[in-house]
């Protein structure tokens, strides 16, 4: 993987993470989404 020229912007990082998550099996994405909801509810 080529190195970055500087630091990636937040939107670029989010795009990469979204792509990676899109490759997960459906049940794992549902589990992760549920975990995020429960974490947000605790704040």
C-alpha atoms as a PDB file:
ATOM      1  CA  UNK A   1       0.000   0.000   0.000  1.00  0.00           C
ATOM      2  CA  UNK A   2       1.467   3.354  -0.948  1.00  0.00           C
ATOM      3  CA  UNK A   3       2.081   5.835   1.833  1.00  0.00           C
ATOM      4  CA  UNK A   4      -0.015   8.938   2.282  1.00  0.00           C
ATOM      5  CA  UNK A   5       1.345  12.314   1.392  1.00  0.00           C
ATOM      6  CA  UNK A   6       0.392  13.950   4.657  1.00  0.00           C
ATOM      7  CA  UNK A   7      -2.404  12.972   7.014  1.00  0.00           C
ATOM      8  CA  UNK A   8      -5.724  11.719   5.592  1.00  0.00           C
ATOM      9  CA  UNK A   9      -8.746  13.911   6.293  1.00  0.00           C
ATOM     10  CA  UNK A  10     -11.571  12.655   8.506  1.00  0.00           C
ATOM     11  CA  UNK A  11     -13.880  12.089   5.525  1.00  0.00           C
ATOM     12  CA  UNK A  12     -11.211   9.978   3.812  1.00  0.00           C
ATOM     13  CA  UNK A  13     -10.764   7.846   6.929  1.00  0.00           C
ATOM     14  CA  UNK A  14     -14.535   7.406   7.238  1.00  0.00           C
ATOM     15  CA  UNK A  15     -14.735   6.352   3.581  1.00  0.00           C
ATOM     16  CA  UNK A  16     -12.063   3.677   4.078  1.00  0.00           C
ATOM     17  CA  UNK A  17     -13.717   2.358   7.237  1.00  0.00           C
ATOM     18  CA  UNK A  18     -17.128   2.306   5.517  1.00  0.00           C
ATOM     19  CA  UNK A  19     -15.654   0.331   2.627  1.00  0.00           C
ATOM     20  CA  UNK A  20     -14.069  -2.189   4.992  1.00  0.00           C
ATOM     21  CA  UNK A  21     -17.316  -2.574   6.927  1.00  0.00           C
ATOM     22  CA  UNK A  22     -19.196  -3.155   3.655  1.00  0.00           C
ATOM     23  CA  UNK A  23     -17.140  -6.313   3.165  1.00  0.00           C
ATOM     24  CA  UNK A  24     -18.264  -7.788   6.505  1.00  0.00           C
ATOM     25  CA  UNK A  25     -20.962 -10.478   6.615  1.00  0.00           C
ATOM     26  CA  UNK A  26     -24.469  -9.108   7.228  1.00  0.00           C
ATOM     27  CA  UNK A  27     -24.718 -10.574  10.741  1.00  0.00           C
ATOM     28  CA  UNK A  28     -21.455  -8.894  11.763  1.00  0.00           C
ATOM     29  CA  UNK A  29     -22.642  -5.523  10.421  1.00  0.00           C
ATOM     30  CA  UNK A  30     -25.912  -5.880  12.363  1.00  0.00           C
ATOM     31  CA  UNK A  31     -24.008  -6.800  15.529  1.00  0.00           C
ATOM     32  CA  UNK A  32     -21.700  -3.798  15.101  1.00  0.00           C
ATOM     33  CA  UNK A  33     -24.594  -1.410  14.396  1.00  0.00           C
ATOM     34  CA  UNK A  34     -26.359  -2.672  17.532  1.00  0.00           C
ATOM     35  CA  UNK A  35     -23.173  -2.206  19.559  1.00  0.00           C
ATOM     36  CA  UNK A  36     -22.906   1.385  18.293  1.00  0.00           C
ATOM     37  CA  UNK A  37     -26.541   2.086  19.236  1.00  0.00           C
ATOM     38  CA  UNK A  38     -26.046   0.702  22.740  1.00  0.00           C
ATOM     39  CA  UNK A  39     -22.844   2.688  23.185  1.00  0.00           C
ATOM     40  CA  UNK A  40     -24.523   5.921  22.067  1.00  0.00           C
ATOM     41  CA  UNK A  41     -27.435   5.290  24.470  1.00  0.00           C
ATOM     42  CA  UNK A  42     -24.955   5.136  27.368  1.00  0.00           C
ATOM     43  CA  UNK A  43     -23.674   8.661  26.705  1.00  0.00           C
END
